[in-house]
Amino acid sequence: MTYPDYPEEWEFMSFFEVEPRHIDPIEEVPWFYNGPTYETQRGCFAIKFVLDPASCQFELEIHCNDNPFVFLCGERIKSMKIDTLQSTERMIVTFEERGGPLLLDLVLQLKPTVRIAWGTERS
């Protein structure tokens, strides 16, 4: 199995501005197999991002003022990158193509405002 290109762990910590929680103590299990969870707050938005690098999957959960706002699950990650341009910070997730509709990149922006873009290609 070929694994996707992922940012380094410190890049995720910089993007979410928190240290991750891990399934197991980090000393015992490498980051790649340890399901890091990042939880952060941006204004009214509580953001939780769970990454499973070894399985090429993620979950993104966002609440606004304690109310569920967005819940997304993704699999077949092809690559991830964290992009900083001036004052804008974005995490971009690209997906493998395997029959069915083509998934567009998921773009999660946390600065200067919270934004999400994701969808399928129109035929």
N, C-alpha and C. Protein backbone atom coordinates (compact mmCIF):
# COMPACT_ATOMS: atom_id res chain seq x y z
N MET A 1 0.84 -1.18 0.00
CA MET A 1 0.00 0.00 0.00
C MET A 1 0.89 1.24 0.00
N THR A 2 0.52 2.21 -0.82
CA THR A 2 1.23 3.47 -0.86
C THR A 2 0.50 4.46 0.04
N TYR A 3 1.23 5.08 0.95
CA TYR A 3 0.61 6.04 1.86
C TYR A 3 0.70 7.44 1.28
N PRO A 4 -0.29 8.27 1.63
CA PRO A 4 -0.29 9.65 1.13
C PRO A 4 0.86 10.47 1.71
N ASP A 5 1.10 11.60 1.08
CA ASP A 5 2.02 12.58 1.64
C ASP A 5 1.25 13.38 2.68
N TYR A 6 1.75 13.38 3.90
CA TYR A 6 1.13 14.15 4.99
C TYR A 6 2.09 15.23 5.45
N PRO A 7 1.55 16.35 5.94
CA PRO A 7 2.43 17.32 6.60
C PRO A 7 3.07 16.67 7.83
N GLU A 8 4.13 17.25 8.32
CA GLU A 8 4.76 16.78 9.55
C GLU A 8 3.82 17.10 10.72
N GLU A 9 4.00 16.37 11.81
CA GLU A 9 3.13 16.58 12.97
C GLU A 9 3.19 18.02 13.48
N TRP A 10 4.37 18.62 13.46
CA TRP A 10 4.49 20.01 13.94
C TRP A 10 3.68 20.97 13.07
N GLU A 11 3.50 20.64 11.77
CA GLU A 11 2.71 21.49 10.90
C GLU A 11 1.23 21.45 11.28
N PHE A 12 0.73 20.26 11.65
CA PHE A 12 -0.64 20.15 12.14
C PHE A 12 -0.80 20.94 13.45
N MET A 13 0.17 20.82 14.34
CA MET A 13 0.10 21.54 15.62
C MET A 13 0.11 23.05 15.38
N SER A 14 0.88 23.51 14.43
CA SER A 14 0.91 24.93 14.10
C SER A 14 -0.42 25.38 13.49
N PHE A 15 -0.98 24.57 12.61
CA PHE A 15 -2.25 24.92 11.95
C PHE A 15 -3.40 25.00 12.96
N PHE A 16 -3.52 23.97 13.80
CA PHE A 16 -4.62 23.92 14.77
C PHE A 16 -4.29 24.68 16.06
N GLU A 17 -3.02 25.03 16.24
CA GLU A 17 -2.54 25.74 17.42
C GLU A 17 -2.80 24.99 18.72
N VAL A 18 -2.71 23.66 18.67
CA VAL A 18 -2.85 22.80 19.85
C VAL A 18 -1.98 21.56 19.66
N GLU A 19 -1.64 20.93 20.77
CA GLU A 19 -1.00 19.62 20.70
C GLU A 19 -2.09 18.57 20.58
N PRO A 20 -1.85 17.51 19.83
CA PRO A 20 -2.89 16.50 19.64
C PRO A 20 -3.03 15.57 20.84
N ARG A 21 -4.23 15.00 20.95
CA ARG A 21 -4.44 13.85 21.84
C ARG A 21 -4.17 12.63 20.97
N HIS A 22 -3.60 11.59 21.59
CA HIS A 22 -3.31 10.36 20.85
C HIS A 22 -4.04 9.19 21.48
N ILE A 23 -4.26 8.15 20.70
CA ILE A 23 -4.92 6.95 21.20
C ILE A 23 -4.05 6.29 22.27
N ASP A 24 -2.77 6.19 22.01
CA ASP A 24 -1.82 5.57 22.94
C ASP A 24 -0.75 6.60 23.30
N PRO A 25 -0.05 6.37 24.42
CA PRO A 25 1.05 7.29 24.75
C PRO A 25 2.01 7.39 23.57
N ILE A 26 2.33 8.61 23.21
CA ILE A 26 3.11 8.86 21.99
C ILE A 26 4.46 8.16 21.98
N GLU A 27 5.05 7.94 23.13
CA GLU A 27 6.35 7.29 23.15
C GLU A 27 6.28 5.85 22.66
N GLU A 28 5.12 5.23 22.84
CA GLU A 28 5.00 3.81 22.51
C GLU A 28 4.60 3.54 21.06
N VAL A 29 3.83 4.44 20.47
CA VAL A 29 3.30 4.22 19.13
C VAL A 29 3.64 5.43 18.26
N PRO A 30 4.22 5.22 17.09
CA PRO A 30 4.53 6.35 16.22
C PRO A 30 3.28 7.16 15.85
N TRP A 31 3.47 8.45 15.63
CA TRP A 31 2.39 9.38 15.29
C TRP A 31 1.52 8.84 14.16
N PHE A 32 2.13 8.27 13.15
CA PHE A 32 1.44 7.80 11.96
C PHE A 32 0.36 6.77 12.28
N TYR A 33 0.56 5.98 13.33
CA TYR A 33 -0.38 4.91 13.69
C TYR A 33 -1.19 5.25 14.94
N ASN A 34 -1.13 6.50 15.40
CA ASN A 34 -1.65 6.81 16.72
C ASN A 34 -2.88 7.70 16.73
N GLY A 35 -3.54 7.87 15.61
CA GLY A 35 -4.81 8.59 15.55
C GLY A 35 -4.82 9.94 16.24
N PRO A 36 -4.00 10.90 15.80
CA PRO A 36 -4.00 12.20 16.46
C PRO A 36 -5.34 12.92 16.31
N THR A 37 -5.77 13.55 17.40
CA THR A 37 -7.00 14.34 17.43
C THR A 37 -6.63 15.76 17.83
N TYR A 38 -7.04 16.71 17.01
CA TYR A 38 -6.77 18.13 17.27
C TYR A 38 -8.10 18.82 17.57
N GLU A 39 -8.17 19.51 18.70
CA GLU A 39 -9.37 20.24 19.07
C GLU A 39 -8.99 21.69 19.35
N THR A 40 -9.68 22.61 18.68
CA THR A 40 -9.35 24.03 18.82
C THR A 40 -10.61 24.86 18.76
N GLN A 41 -10.51 26.10 19.16
CA GLN A 41 -11.63 27.03 19.18
C GLN A 41 -11.29 28.24 18.33
N ARG A 42 -12.19 28.66 17.46
CA ARG A 42 -12.05 29.88 16.67
C ARG A 42 -13.37 30.63 16.77
N GLY A 43 -13.41 31.68 17.57
CA GLY A 43 -14.66 32.41 17.77
C GLY A 43 -15.71 31.47 18.32
N CYS A 44 -16.88 31.42 17.68
CA CYS A 44 -17.96 30.54 18.15
C CYS A 44 -17.75 29.10 17.72
N PHE A 45 -16.74 28.82 16.89
CA PHE A 45 -16.56 27.50 16.31
C PHE A 45 -15.61 26.62 17.14
N ALA A 46 -16.12 25.46 17.55
CA ALA A 46 -15.29 24.43 18.18
C ALA A 46 -14.98 23.41 17.09
N ILE A 47 -13.71 23.18 16.82
CA ILE A 47 -13.29 22.35 15.69
C ILE A 47 -12.55 21.13 16.22
N LYS A 48 -12.95 19.97 15.74
CA LYS A 48 -12.29 18.71 16.12
C LYS A 48 -11.92 17.99 14.83
N PHE A 49 -10.63 17.67 14.69
CA PHE A 49 -10.14 16.98 13.51
C PHE A 49 -9.42 15.72 13.97
N VAL A 50 -9.91 14.57 13.54
CA VAL A 50 -9.33 13.27 13.89
C VAL A 50 -8.71 12.69 12.62
N LEU A 51 -7.43 12.39 12.69
CA LEU A 51 -6.72 11.86 11.53
C LEU A 51 -6.27 10.45 11.80
N ASP A 52 -6.48 9.58 10.82
CA ASP A 52 -5.97 8.22 10.89
C ASP A 52 -5.05 8.04 9.67
N PRO A 53 -3.80 8.50 9.79
CA PRO A 53 -2.91 8.48 8.63
C PRO A 53 -2.72 7.10 8.02
N ALA A 54 -2.58 6.07 8.85
CA ALA A 54 -2.32 4.73 8.34
C ALA A 54 -3.50 4.18 7.53
N SER A 55 -4.72 4.61 7.84
CA SER A 55 -5.90 4.16 7.11
C SER A 55 -6.36 5.15 6.05
N CYS A 56 -5.64 6.27 5.92
CA CYS A 56 -5.97 7.30 4.92
C CYS A 56 -7.37 7.86 5.13
N GLN A 57 -7.74 8.13 6.41
CA GLN A 57 -9.07 8.61 6.75
C GLN A 57 -8.99 9.79 7.71
N PHE A 58 -10.09 10.57 7.75
CA PHE A 58 -10.21 11.65 8.72
C PHE A 58 -11.67 11.86 9.08
N GLU A 59 -11.90 12.55 10.19
CA GLU A 59 -13.22 13.05 10.58
C GLU A 59 -13.04 14.51 10.96
N LEU A 60 -13.97 15.34 10.54
CA LEU A 60 -13.98 16.75 10.88
C LEU A 60 -15.34 17.08 11.47
N GLU A 61 -15.33 17.61 12.68
CA GLU A 61 -16.56 17.95 13.38
C GLU A 61 -16.45 19.41 13.83
N ILE A 62 -17.46 20.20 13.50
CA ILE A 62 -17.48 21.60 13.89
C ILE A 62 -18.81 21.91 14.57
N HIS A 63 -18.70 22.55 15.73
CA HIS A 63 -19.88 23.03 16.45
C HIS A 63 -19.81 24.56 16.48
N CYS A 64 -20.96 25.19 16.44
CA CYS A 64 -21.03 26.65 16.59
C CYS A 64 -21.91 26.94 17.79
N ASN A 65 -21.35 27.62 18.77
CA ASN A 65 -22.08 27.90 20.02
C ASN A 65 -22.69 26.62 20.60
N ASP A 66 -21.89 25.55 20.64
CA ASP A 66 -22.29 24.24 21.19
C ASP A 66 -23.34 23.51 20.37
N ASN A 67 -23.69 24.01 19.19
CA ASN A 67 -24.65 23.33 18.32
C ASN A 67 -23.91 22.67 17.17
N PRO A 68 -24.25 21.41 16.84
CA PRO A 68 -23.61 20.75 15.70
C PRO A 68 -23.78 21.59 14.44
N PHE A 69 -22.68 21.76 13.70
CA PHE A 69 -22.70 22.61 12.51
C PHE A 69 -22.30 21.80 11.28
N VAL A 70 -21.18 21.07 11.36
CA VAL A 70 -20.68 20.28 10.24
C VAL A 70 -20.06 19.00 10.78
N PHE A 71 -20.33 17.87 10.10
CA PHE A 71 -19.63 16.62 10.39
C PHE A 71 -19.29 15.99 9.04
N LEU A 72 -17.99 15.80 8.80
CA LEU A 72 -17.52 15.21 7.55
C LEU A 72 -16.59 14.05 7.84
N CYS A 73 -16.69 13.01 7.05
CA CYS A 73 -15.76 11.88 7.10
C CYS A 73 -15.16 11.74 5.70
N GLY A 74 -13.88 11.45 5.67
CA GLY A 74 -13.24 11.25 4.38
C GLY A 74 -12.31 10.06 4.42
N GLU A 75 -12.24 9.35 3.31
CA GLU A 75 -11.31 8.25 3.18
C GLU A 75 -10.62 8.36 1.83
N ARG A 76 -9.67 7.47 1.62
CA ARG A 76 -8.90 7.44 0.37
C ARG A 76 -8.14 8.75 0.16
N ILE A 77 -7.53 9.25 1.24
CA ILE A 77 -6.73 10.45 1.14
C ILE A 77 -5.53 10.17 0.24
N LYS A 78 -5.32 11.04 -0.72
CA LYS A 78 -4.17 10.93 -1.62
C LYS A 78 -3.02 11.79 -1.12
N SER A 79 -3.35 12.99 -0.65
CA SER A 79 -2.32 13.87 -0.10
C SER A 79 -2.98 14.92 0.78
N MET A 80 -2.18 15.50 1.65
CA MET A 80 -2.61 16.61 2.49
C MET A 80 -1.48 17.62 2.50
N LYS A 81 -1.87 18.90 2.56
CA LYS A 81 -0.86 19.93 2.73
C LYS A 81 -1.46 21.08 3.52
N ILE A 82 -0.60 21.80 4.17
CA ILE A 82 -1.01 22.99 4.90
C ILE A 82 -0.39 24.17 4.17
N ASP A 83 -1.24 25.09 3.79
CA ASP A 83 -0.86 26.19 2.93
C ASP A 83 -1.05 27.50 3.70
N THR A 84 -0.01 28.29 3.77
CA THR A 84 -0.09 29.60 4.41
C THR A 84 0.25 30.65 3.37
N LEU A 85 -0.69 31.55 3.15
CA LEU A 85 -0.48 32.63 2.20
C LEU A 85 -0.92 33.91 2.88
N GLN A 86 0.03 34.79 3.16
CA GLN A 86 -0.20 36.02 3.91
C GLN A 86 -0.86 35.65 5.24
N SER A 87 -2.08 36.12 5.51
CA SER A 87 -2.71 35.83 6.80
C SER A 87 -3.71 34.67 6.71
N THR A 88 -3.75 33.98 5.58
CA THR A 88 -4.68 32.87 5.39
C THR A 88 -3.96 31.54 5.61
N GLU A 89 -4.56 30.68 6.44
CA GLU A 89 -4.02 29.34 6.67
C GLU A 89 -5.08 28.33 6.27
N ARG A 90 -4.67 27.36 5.43
CA ARG A 90 -5.61 26.35 4.93
C ARG A 90 -4.97 24.98 4.98
N MET A 91 -5.81 23.98 5.23
CA MET A 91 -5.40 22.59 5.11
C MET A 91 -6.14 22.06 3.88
N ILE A 92 -5.40 21.46 2.96
CA ILE A 92 -5.98 20.98 1.71
C ILE A 92 -5.81 19.47 1.64
N VAL A 93 -6.93 18.76 1.50
CA VAL A 93 -6.93 17.30 1.43
C VAL A 93 -7.36 16.90 0.02
N THR A 94 -6.53 16.11 -0.64
CA THR A 94 -6.82 15.61 -1.98
C THR A 94 -7.14 14.12 -1.87
N PHE A 95 -8.08 13.65 -2.68
CA PHE A 95 -8.57 12.27 -2.60
C PHE A 95 -8.21 11.48 -3.84
N GLU A 96 -8.08 10.16 -3.66
CA GLU A 96 -7.83 9.25 -4.78
C GLU A 96 -9.05 9.19 -5.68
N GLU A 97 -8.81 8.91 -6.95
CA GLU A 97 -9.91 8.71 -7.90
C GLU A 97 -10.15 7.21 -8.01
N ARG A 98 -11.39 6.78 -7.76
CA ARG A 98 -11.75 5.35 -7.87
C ARG A 98 -13.19 5.24 -8.31
N GLY A 99 -13.46 5.32 -9.57
CA GLY A 99 -14.83 5.18 -10.04
C GLY A 99 -15.76 6.17 -9.33
N GLY A 100 -16.97 6.26 -9.74
CA GLY A 100 -17.92 7.16 -9.10
C GLY A 100 -17.53 8.62 -9.31
N PRO A 101 -18.24 9.52 -8.65
CA PRO A 101 -17.94 10.94 -8.85
C PRO A 101 -16.59 11.31 -8.25
N LEU A 102 -15.90 12.21 -8.90
CA LEU A 102 -14.61 12.67 -8.43
C LEU A 102 -14.81 13.62 -7.26
N LEU A 103 -14.15 13.32 -6.14
CA LEU A 103 -14.21 14.22 -5.00
C LEU A 103 -13.24 15.37 -5.21
N LEU A 104 -13.73 16.57 -5.04
CA LEU A 104 -12.88 17.74 -5.10
C LEU A 104 -12.07 17.82 -3.81
N ASP A 105 -11.04 18.64 -3.81
CA ASP A 105 -10.25 18.83 -2.59
C ASP A 105 -11.11 19.39 -1.48
N LEU A 106 -10.87 18.90 -0.27
CA LEU A 106 -11.45 19.51 0.92
C LEU A 106 -10.50 20.62 1.34
N VAL A 107 -11.02 21.81 1.52
CA VAL A 107 -10.22 22.94 1.97
C VAL A 107 -10.80 23.44 3.28
N LEU A 108 -10.01 23.33 4.33
CA LEU A 108 -10.40 23.84 5.65
C LEU A 108 -9.52 25.04 5.96
N GLN A 109 -10.16 26.18 6.13
CA GLN A 109 -9.44 27.40 6.47
C GLN A 109 -9.78 27.77 7.91
N LEU A 110 -8.77 28.10 8.71
CA LEU A 110 -8.99 28.50 10.09
C LEU A 110 -8.67 29.97 10.34
N LYS A 111 -7.84 30.56 9.48
CA LYS A 111 -7.48 31.97 9.65
C LYS A 111 -7.55 32.66 8.30
N PRO A 112 -8.02 33.87 8.22
CA PRO A 112 -8.49 34.71 9.31
C PRO A 112 -9.92 34.37 9.76
N THR A 113 -10.66 33.61 8.95
CA THR A 113 -11.99 33.14 9.32
C THR A 113 -12.10 31.65 9.05
N VAL A 114 -13.09 31.01 9.66
CA VAL A 114 -13.32 29.58 9.42
C VAL A 114 -14.16 29.43 8.15
N ARG A 115 -13.64 28.61 7.22
CA ARG A 115 -14.34 28.32 5.97
C ARG A 115 -14.08 26.87 5.58
N ILE A 116 -15.05 26.27 4.92
CA ILE A 116 -14.90 24.90 4.42
C ILE A 116 -15.40 24.87 2.98
N ALA A 117 -14.63 24.21 2.12
CA ALA A 117 -15.09 23.99 0.75
C ALA A 117 -14.82 22.51 0.43
N TRP A 118 -15.85 21.84 -0.11
CA TRP A 118 -15.71 20.44 -0.49
C TRP A 118 -16.89 20.08 -1.38
N GLY A 119 -16.72 19.10 -2.22
CA GLY A 119 -17.83 18.68 -3.07
C GLY A 119 -17.40 17.63 -4.06
N THR A 120 -18.23 17.42 -5.07
CA THR A 120 -17.90 16.49 -6.14
C THR A 120 -17.88 17.26 -7.45
N GLU A 121 -17.16 16.70 -8.41
CA GLU A 121 -17.07 17.33 -9.71
C GLU A 121 -18.39 17.19 -10.45
N ARG A 122 -18.78 18.26 -11.10
CA ARG A 122 -20.00 18.21 -11.91
C ARG A 122 -19.66 17.67 -13.29
N SER A 123 -20.54 16.80 -13.82
CA SER A 123 -20.26 16.25 -15.15
C SER A 123 -20.83 17.12 -16.22
